[in-house]
Amino acid sequence: MDRARASGAIRADVTASDLYALINAVAWAGEQTSAAQGERLLAFALDGLRPPSSSRG
């Protein structure tokens, strides 16, 4: 996580506990929905809810 933070790949305020909770939440949601919906939720978790930067003006 230190390298990811240093490179700007993740937010500076993300903790290991945050990451663990997010992984658990996405895994649980993936079990409750279709595989396609699980993949979609994972993408939202990794990318955030903002549109891709090319879509922002």
N, C-alpha and C. Protein backbone atom coordinates (compact mmCIF):
# COMPACT_ATOMS: atom_id res chain seq x y z
N MET A 1 0.80 -1.17 0.00
CA MET A 1 0.00 0.00 0.00
C MET A 1 0.86 1.25 0.00
N ASP A 2 2.00 1.20 0.65
CA ASP A 2 2.87 2.38 0.67
C ASP A 2 3.31 2.75 -0.74
N ARG A 3 3.67 1.75 -1.55
CA ARG A 3 4.09 2.03 -2.92
C ARG A 3 2.93 2.58 -3.75
N ALA A 4 1.74 2.00 -3.54
CA ALA A 4 0.57 2.48 -4.28
C ALA A 4 0.25 3.93 -3.90
N ARG A 5 0.34 4.24 -2.61
CA ARG A 5 0.12 5.62 -2.17
C ARG A 5 1.16 6.55 -2.78
N ALA A 6 2.41 6.15 -2.71
CA ALA A 6 3.51 6.99 -3.21
C ALA A 6 3.39 7.25 -4.70
N SER A 7 2.88 6.27 -5.44
CA SER A 7 2.76 6.44 -6.90
C SER A 7 1.47 7.16 -7.28
N GLY A 8 0.59 7.39 -6.31
CA GLY A 8 -0.68 8.05 -6.60
C GLY A 8 -1.75 7.10 -7.10
N ALA A 9 -1.49 5.79 -7.02
CA ALA A 9 -2.46 4.80 -7.49
C ALA A 9 -3.66 4.68 -6.57
N ILE A 10 -3.48 4.99 -5.29
CA ILE A 10 -4.58 4.99 -4.34
C ILE A 10 -4.53 6.28 -3.52
N ARG A 11 -5.65 6.58 -2.91
CA ARG A 11 -5.72 7.78 -2.07
C ARG A 11 -4.76 7.67 -0.90
N ALA A 12 -4.28 8.78 -0.45
CA ALA A 12 -3.33 8.81 0.65
C ALA A 12 -3.96 8.38 1.98
N ASP A 13 -5.28 8.53 2.09
CA ASP A 13 -5.92 8.23 3.37
C ASP A 13 -6.48 6.81 3.47
N VAL A 14 -6.28 5.96 2.47
CA VAL A 14 -6.75 4.58 2.51
C VAL A 14 -5.89 3.76 3.46
N THR A 15 -6.56 3.01 4.34
CA THR A 15 -5.83 2.14 5.27
C THR A 15 -6.04 0.68 4.87
N ALA A 16 -5.24 -0.20 5.43
CA ALA A 16 -5.40 -1.63 5.19
C ALA A 16 -6.77 -2.09 5.66
N SER A 17 -7.25 -1.54 6.75
CA SER A 17 -8.57 -1.87 7.26
C SER A 17 -9.66 -1.45 6.27
N ASP A 18 -9.51 -0.29 5.66
CA ASP A 18 -10.46 0.16 4.64
C ASP A 18 -10.50 -0.82 3.47
N LEU A 19 -9.32 -1.19 3.02
CA LEU A 19 -9.22 -2.09 1.88
C LEU A 19 -9.85 -3.44 2.20
N TYR A 20 -9.58 -3.98 3.36
CA TYR A 20 -10.14 -5.26 3.78
C TYR A 20 -11.66 -5.18 3.83
N ALA A 21 -12.21 -4.11 4.39
CA ALA A 21 -13.66 -3.95 4.48
C ALA A 21 -14.27 -3.84 3.08
N LEU A 22 -13.62 -3.12 2.19
CA LEU A 22 -14.12 -2.97 0.83
C LEU A 22 -14.12 -4.30 0.09
N ILE A 23 -13.05 -5.06 0.24
CA ILE A 23 -12.97 -6.38 -0.40
C ILE A 23 -14.09 -7.28 0.11
N ASN A 24 -14.30 -7.28 1.42
CA ASN A 24 -15.37 -8.10 1.99
C ASN A 24 -16.74 -7.67 1.48
N ALA A 25 -16.98 -6.37 1.41
CA ALA A 25 -18.27 -5.86 0.95
C ALA A 25 -18.53 -6.24 -0.51
N VAL A 26 -17.53 -6.10 -1.35
CA VAL A 26 -17.69 -6.44 -2.76
C VAL A 26 -17.88 -7.95 -2.92
N ALA A 27 -17.16 -8.75 -2.14
CA ALA A 27 -17.32 -10.20 -2.21
C ALA A 27 -18.73 -10.60 -1.78
N TRP A 28 -19.24 -10.01 -0.71
CA TRP A 28 -20.58 -10.31 -0.25
C TRP A 28 -21.60 -9.91 -1.30
N ALA A 29 -21.48 -8.71 -1.85
CA ALA A 29 -22.42 -8.24 -2.86
C ALA A 29 -22.38 -9.13 -4.10
N GLY A 30 -21.19 -9.59 -4.46
CA GLY A 30 -21.05 -10.47 -5.60
C GLY A 30 -21.76 -11.80 -5.39
N GLU A 31 -21.84 -12.26 -4.15
CA GLU A 31 -22.56 -13.50 -3.85
C GLU A 31 -24.06 -13.30 -3.88
N GLN A 32 -24.52 -12.08 -3.72
CA GLN A 32 -25.96 -11.79 -3.65
C GLN A 32 -26.56 -11.44 -5.01
N THR A 33 -25.72 -11.24 -6.02
CA THR A 33 -26.19 -10.79 -7.33
C THR A 33 -25.64 -11.72 -8.41
N SER A 34 -25.92 -11.39 -9.65
CA SER A 34 -25.37 -12.15 -10.77
C SER A 34 -23.88 -11.88 -10.90
N ALA A 35 -23.21 -12.73 -11.65
CA ALA A 35 -21.77 -12.53 -11.88
C ALA A 35 -21.52 -11.20 -12.58
N ALA A 36 -22.38 -10.85 -13.53
CA ALA A 36 -22.21 -9.58 -14.25
C ALA A 36 -22.37 -8.40 -13.31
N GLN A 37 -23.37 -8.45 -12.43
CA GLN A 37 -23.57 -7.36 -11.48
C GLN A 37 -22.41 -7.29 -10.49
N GLY A 38 -21.90 -8.45 -10.07
CA GLY A 38 -20.74 -8.47 -9.19
C GLY A 38 -19.53 -7.80 -9.82
N GLU A 39 -19.30 -8.08 -11.09
CA GLU A 39 -18.20 -7.45 -11.82
C GLU A 39 -18.41 -5.94 -11.92
N ARG A 40 -19.64 -5.54 -12.16
CA ARG A 40 -19.97 -4.12 -12.26
C ARG A 40 -19.71 -3.40 -10.93
N LEU A 41 -20.12 -4.03 -9.84
CA LEU A 41 -19.90 -3.44 -8.52
C LEU A 41 -18.41 -3.34 -8.20
N LEU A 42 -17.65 -4.37 -8.58
CA LEU A 42 -16.21 -4.33 -8.37
C LEU A 42 -15.59 -3.18 -9.16
N ALA A 43 -16.04 -2.98 -10.39
CA ALA A 43 -15.51 -1.87 -11.20
C ALA A 43 -15.82 -0.54 -10.53
N PHE A 44 -17.04 -0.39 -9.99
CA PHE A 44 -17.37 0.84 -9.29
C PHE A 44 -16.46 1.03 -8.07
N ALA A 45 -16.21 -0.05 -7.35
CA ALA A 45 -15.36 0.04 -6.16
C ALA A 45 -13.94 0.47 -6.54
N LEU A 46 -13.44 -0.05 -7.64
CA LEU A 46 -12.08 0.28 -8.06
C LEU A 46 -11.98 1.64 -8.73
N ASP A 47 -12.98 2.00 -9.51
CA ASP A 47 -12.94 3.24 -10.29
C ASP A 47 -13.62 4.42 -9.62
N GLY A 48 -14.46 4.14 -8.65
CA GLY A 48 -15.27 5.20 -8.06
C GLY A 48 -16.51 5.43 -8.89
N LEU A 49 -17.34 6.35 -8.48
CA LEU A 49 -18.58 6.63 -9.18
C LEU A 49 -18.46 7.78 -10.16
N ARG A 50 -17.30 8.41 -10.19
CA ARG A 50 -17.10 9.52 -11.13
C ARG A 50 -16.98 8.98 -12.54
N PRO A 51 -17.41 9.76 -13.54
CA PRO A 51 -17.21 9.32 -14.91
C PRO A 51 -15.72 9.32 -15.25
N PRO A 52 -15.31 8.56 -16.26
CA PRO A 52 -13.89 8.58 -16.67
C PRO A 52 -13.46 10.02 -16.94
N SER A 53 -12.20 10.31 -16.71
CA SER A 53 -11.71 11.70 -16.84
C SER A 53 -11.96 12.27 -18.23
N SER A 54 -12.01 11.44 -19.27
CA SER A 54 -12.27 11.94 -20.61
C SER A 54 -13.70 12.44 -20.76
N SER A 55 -14.62 12.01 -19.85
CA SER A 55 -16.01 12.44 -19.90
C SER A 55 -16.23 13.72 -19.13
N ARG A 56 -15.28 14.06 -18.26
CA ARG A 56 -15.42 15.28 -17.47
C ARG A 56 -14.90 16.46 -18.26
N GLY A 57 -15.61 17.57 -18.18
CA GLY A 57 -15.21 18.72 -18.96
C GLY A 57 -14.35 19.59 -18.21
